[in-house]
Amino acid sequence: MPSTSRLLLVEFVLPPGNEPFLGKWVDLHMLVMAPGARERTADEYQSLLVRAGSTTCSVVPTAVGPSVVEAMPLEAADIGNG
């Protein structure tokens, strides 16, 4: 992926703590329907993206539940293109 690329993910980003959140129900549904599948916290998305050679630029919540997670290649973040 070129260093100027951006990857946009539309995903439920689980909040910390035990507050009610639609994404937690989606997480349970995914666990039942696709073993091993799950929703993640912002920190877990960051960790996953770093393992894939990218990093999180921003996480923007939407009014309907999912968030937009913007990611870019690690080399772009290292040289300040983000």
N, C-alpha and C. Protein backbone atom coordinates (compact mmCIF):
# COMPACT_ATOMS: atom_id res chain seq x y z
N MET A 1 0.85 -1.16 0.00
CA MET A 1 0.00 0.00 0.00
C MET A 1 0.90 1.24 0.00
N PRO A 2 0.70 2.17 -0.92
CA PRO A 2 1.54 3.37 -0.96
C PRO A 2 1.43 4.17 0.34
N SER A 3 2.48 4.92 0.66
CA SER A 3 2.51 5.66 1.93
C SER A 3 1.45 6.75 2.00
N THR A 4 0.90 7.15 0.86
CA THR A 4 -0.16 8.17 0.85
C THR A 4 -1.56 7.57 0.98
N SER A 5 -1.65 6.25 1.05
CA SER A 5 -2.94 5.58 1.13
C SER A 5 -3.58 5.75 2.50
N ARG A 6 -4.90 5.66 2.51
CA ARG A 6 -5.68 5.63 3.75
C ARG A 6 -6.65 4.46 3.64
N LEU A 7 -6.83 3.76 4.74
CA LEU A 7 -7.77 2.65 4.83
C LEU A 7 -8.88 3.07 5.78
N LEU A 8 -10.13 2.97 5.33
CA LEU A 8 -11.27 3.31 6.18
C LEU A 8 -12.02 2.04 6.53
N LEU A 9 -12.19 1.80 7.81
CA LEU A 9 -12.95 0.66 8.32
C LEU A 9 -14.21 1.18 8.98
N VAL A 10 -15.34 0.60 8.68
CA VAL A 10 -16.58 0.95 9.38
C VAL A 10 -16.90 -0.23 10.28
N GLU A 11 -16.65 -0.04 11.56
CA GLU A 11 -16.73 -1.12 12.54
C GLU A 11 -17.29 -0.59 13.86
N PHE A 12 -17.89 -1.49 14.64
CA PHE A 12 -18.21 -1.13 16.02
C PHE A 12 -16.91 -1.11 16.80
N VAL A 13 -16.64 -0.03 17.48
CA VAL A 13 -15.45 0.08 18.33
C VAL A 13 -15.97 0.04 19.76
N LEU A 14 -15.66 -1.04 20.47
CA LEU A 14 -16.21 -1.24 21.81
C LEU A 14 -15.65 -0.22 22.79
N PRO A 15 -16.53 0.40 23.58
CA PRO A 15 -16.05 1.34 24.59
C PRO A 15 -15.51 0.58 25.80
N PRO A 16 -14.65 1.24 26.59
CA PRO A 16 -14.18 0.59 27.82
C PRO A 16 -15.32 0.51 28.83
N GLY A 17 -15.17 -0.36 29.79
CA GLY A 17 -16.17 -0.45 30.85
C GLY A 17 -17.34 -1.33 30.48
N ASN A 18 -18.40 -1.22 31.26
CA ASN A 18 -19.54 -2.12 31.10
C ASN A 18 -20.82 -1.37 30.73
N GLU A 19 -20.69 -0.22 30.07
CA GLU A 19 -21.87 0.53 29.68
C GLU A 19 -22.59 -0.17 28.52
N PRO A 20 -23.92 -0.05 28.44
CA PRO A 20 -24.65 -0.65 27.33
C PRO A 20 -24.19 -0.06 25.99
N PHE A 21 -24.05 -0.92 24.98
CA PHE A 21 -23.60 -0.48 23.66
C PHE A 21 -24.00 -1.54 22.64
N LEU A 22 -24.63 -1.12 21.54
CA LEU A 22 -25.08 -2.05 20.50
C LEU A 22 -23.96 -2.96 20.01
N GLY A 23 -22.76 -2.44 19.92
CA GLY A 23 -21.63 -3.24 19.44
C GLY A 23 -21.34 -4.46 20.29
N LYS A 24 -21.73 -4.43 21.57
CA LYS A 24 -21.52 -5.60 22.43
C LYS A 24 -22.47 -6.73 22.04
N TRP A 25 -23.69 -6.39 21.62
CA TRP A 25 -24.60 -7.41 21.12
C TRP A 25 -24.10 -7.98 19.80
N VAL A 26 -23.58 -7.13 18.95
CA VAL A 26 -23.00 -7.58 17.69
C VAL A 26 -21.82 -8.51 17.97
N ASP A 27 -21.02 -8.18 18.97
CA ASP A 27 -19.88 -9.01 19.37
C ASP A 27 -20.35 -10.41 19.76
N LEU A 28 -21.41 -10.51 20.55
CA LEU A 28 -21.94 -11.83 20.95
C LEU A 28 -22.47 -12.59 19.74
N HIS A 29 -23.16 -11.89 18.84
CA HIS A 29 -23.68 -12.53 17.63
C HIS A 29 -22.54 -13.08 16.78
N MET A 30 -21.49 -12.31 16.62
CA MET A 30 -20.33 -12.76 15.83
C MET A 30 -19.69 -13.99 16.46
N LEU A 31 -19.61 -14.01 17.78
CA LEU A 31 -19.01 -15.15 18.49
C LEU A 31 -19.79 -16.43 18.20
N VAL A 32 -21.12 -16.33 18.15
CA VAL A 32 -21.96 -17.50 17.89
C VAL A 32 -21.90 -17.91 16.42
N MET A 33 -21.94 -16.94 15.52
CA MET A 33 -22.03 -17.24 14.09
C MET A 33 -20.69 -17.55 13.43
N ALA A 34 -19.62 -16.99 13.95
CA ALA A 34 -18.30 -17.17 13.34
C ALA A 34 -17.27 -17.28 14.46
N PRO A 35 -17.04 -18.50 14.96
CA PRO A 35 -16.12 -18.67 16.09
C PRO A 35 -14.79 -17.95 15.85
N GLY A 36 -14.37 -17.18 16.85
CA GLY A 36 -13.13 -16.43 16.75
C GLY A 36 -13.34 -14.99 16.28
N ALA A 37 -14.48 -14.72 15.64
CA ALA A 37 -14.77 -13.35 15.18
C ALA A 37 -15.23 -12.52 16.38
N ARG A 38 -14.89 -11.23 16.37
CA ARG A 38 -15.31 -10.38 17.48
C ARG A 38 -15.13 -8.92 17.12
N GLU A 39 -15.80 -8.08 17.87
CA GLU A 39 -15.59 -6.64 17.78
C GLU A 39 -14.40 -6.30 18.67
N ARG A 40 -13.83 -5.11 18.49
CA ARG A 40 -12.61 -4.74 19.21
C ARG A 40 -12.72 -3.34 19.80
N THR A 41 -11.84 -3.07 20.76
CA THR A 41 -11.70 -1.72 21.30
C THR A 41 -10.77 -0.93 20.38
N ALA A 42 -10.67 0.37 20.60
CA ALA A 42 -9.75 1.19 19.80
C ALA A 42 -8.31 0.70 19.95
N ASP A 43 -7.92 0.33 21.17
CA ASP A 43 -6.55 -0.18 21.39
C ASP A 43 -6.32 -1.49 20.66
N GLU A 44 -7.34 -2.35 20.61
CA GLU A 44 -7.20 -3.62 19.90
C GLU A 44 -7.10 -3.40 18.38
N TYR A 45 -7.85 -2.43 17.85
CA TYR A 45 -7.70 -2.10 16.43
C TYR A 45 -6.30 -1.58 16.14
N GLN A 46 -5.78 -0.72 17.03
CA GLN A 46 -4.42 -0.19 16.85
C GLN A 46 -3.42 -1.34 16.81
N SER A 47 -3.52 -2.28 17.75
CA SER A 47 -2.60 -3.42 17.80
C SER A 47 -2.70 -4.26 16.53
N LEU A 48 -3.91 -4.53 16.08
CA LEU A 48 -4.13 -5.31 14.86
C LEU A 48 -3.54 -4.60 13.65
N LEU A 49 -3.76 -3.30 13.55
CA LEU A 49 -3.23 -2.54 12.41
C LEU A 49 -1.71 -2.48 12.42
N VAL A 50 -1.10 -2.34 13.59
CA VAL A 50 0.37 -2.32 13.67
C VAL A 50 0.93 -3.66 13.19
N ARG A 51 0.30 -4.76 13.57
CA ARG A 51 0.76 -6.09 13.10
C ARG A 51 0.65 -6.21 11.59
N ALA A 52 -0.27 -5.43 10.98
CA ALA A 52 -0.45 -5.45 9.53
C ALA A 52 0.37 -4.36 8.82
N GLY A 53 1.20 -3.64 9.58
CA GLY A 53 2.04 -2.62 8.97
C GLY A 53 1.39 -1.26 8.82
N SER A 54 0.32 -1.03 9.58
CA SER A 54 -0.39 0.24 9.53
C SER A 54 -0.57 0.79 10.94
N THR A 55 -1.18 1.95 11.03
CA THR A 55 -1.48 2.55 12.33
C THR A 55 -2.78 3.33 12.23
N THR A 56 -3.41 3.56 13.36
CA THR A 56 -4.66 4.30 13.41
C THR A 56 -4.39 5.80 13.34
N CYS A 57 -5.08 6.50 12.43
CA CYS A 57 -5.02 7.97 12.37
C CYS A 57 -6.11 8.56 13.25
N SER A 58 -7.32 8.01 13.11
CA SER A 58 -8.44 8.54 13.89
C SER A 58 -9.54 7.50 13.99
N VAL A 59 -10.37 7.67 15.02
CA VAL A 59 -11.57 6.86 15.19
C VAL A 59 -12.71 7.85 15.37
N VAL A 60 -13.65 7.85 14.42
CA VAL A 60 -14.74 8.82 14.42
C VAL A 60 -16.06 8.08 14.65
N PRO A 61 -16.70 8.29 15.81
CA PRO A 61 -17.99 7.65 16.06
C PRO A 61 -19.06 8.23 15.13
N THR A 62 -20.07 7.42 14.83
CA THR A 62 -21.21 7.89 14.05
C THR A 62 -22.44 7.91 14.95
N ALA A 63 -23.51 8.49 14.48
CA ALA A 63 -24.74 8.58 15.27
C ALA A 63 -25.48 7.26 15.35
N VAL A 64 -25.15 6.30 14.50
CA VAL A 64 -25.91 5.05 14.45
C VAL A 64 -25.19 3.85 15.05
N GLY A 65 -24.03 4.01 15.65
CA GLY A 65 -23.36 2.90 16.32
C GLY A 65 -21.95 2.62 15.85
N PRO A 66 -21.77 2.22 14.59
CA PRO A 66 -20.40 1.94 14.14
C PRO A 66 -19.56 3.22 14.11
N SER A 67 -18.26 3.04 14.10
CA SER A 67 -17.32 4.15 13.96
C SER A 67 -16.57 3.99 12.65
N VAL A 68 -15.96 5.06 12.20
CA VAL A 68 -15.07 5.02 11.04
C VAL A 68 -13.65 5.07 11.59
N VAL A 69 -12.90 4.00 11.35
CA VAL A 69 -11.51 3.92 11.79
C VAL A 69 -10.64 4.23 10.57
N GLU A 70 -9.85 5.29 10.65
CA GLU A 70 -8.95 5.67 9.56
C GLU A 70 -7.55 5.18 9.90
N ALA A 71 -6.95 4.48 8.96
CA ALA A 71 -5.59 3.95 9.17
C ALA A 71 -4.71 4.35 7.99
N MET A 72 -3.40 4.34 8.24
CA MET A 72 -2.42 4.62 7.19
C MET A 72 -1.21 3.73 7.41
N PRO A 73 -0.39 3.54 6.38
CA PRO A 73 0.82 2.73 6.53
C PRO A 73 1.74 3.31 7.61
N LEU A 74 2.42 2.43 8.33
CA LEU A 74 3.35 2.88 9.38
C LEU A 74 4.42 3.81 8.85
N GLU A 75 4.95 3.54 7.65
CA GLU A 75 6.03 4.40 7.13
C GLU A 75 5.54 5.82 6.91
N ALA A 76 4.26 6.00 6.58
CA ALA A 76 3.72 7.35 6.41
C ALA A 76 3.64 8.05 7.76
N ALA A 77 3.28 7.33 8.79
CA ALA A 77 3.21 7.92 10.13
C ALA A 77 4.61 8.28 10.61
N ASP A 78 5.60 7.45 10.27
CA ASP A 78 6.98 7.70 10.71
C ASP A 78 7.57 8.97 10.08
N ILE A 79 7.11 9.30 8.85
CA ILE A 79 7.68 10.49 8.20
C ILE A 79 6.74 11.69 8.29
N GLY A 80 5.63 11.53 9.03
CA GLY A 80 4.75 12.65 9.28
C GLY A 80 3.79 13.01 8.18
N ASN A 81 3.40 12.02 7.36
CA ASN A 81 2.44 12.30 6.30
C ASN A 81 1.00 12.18 6.77
N GLY A 82 0.75 11.97 8.06
CA GLY A 82 -0.62 11.74 8.52
C GLY A 82 -1.32 12.89 8.99
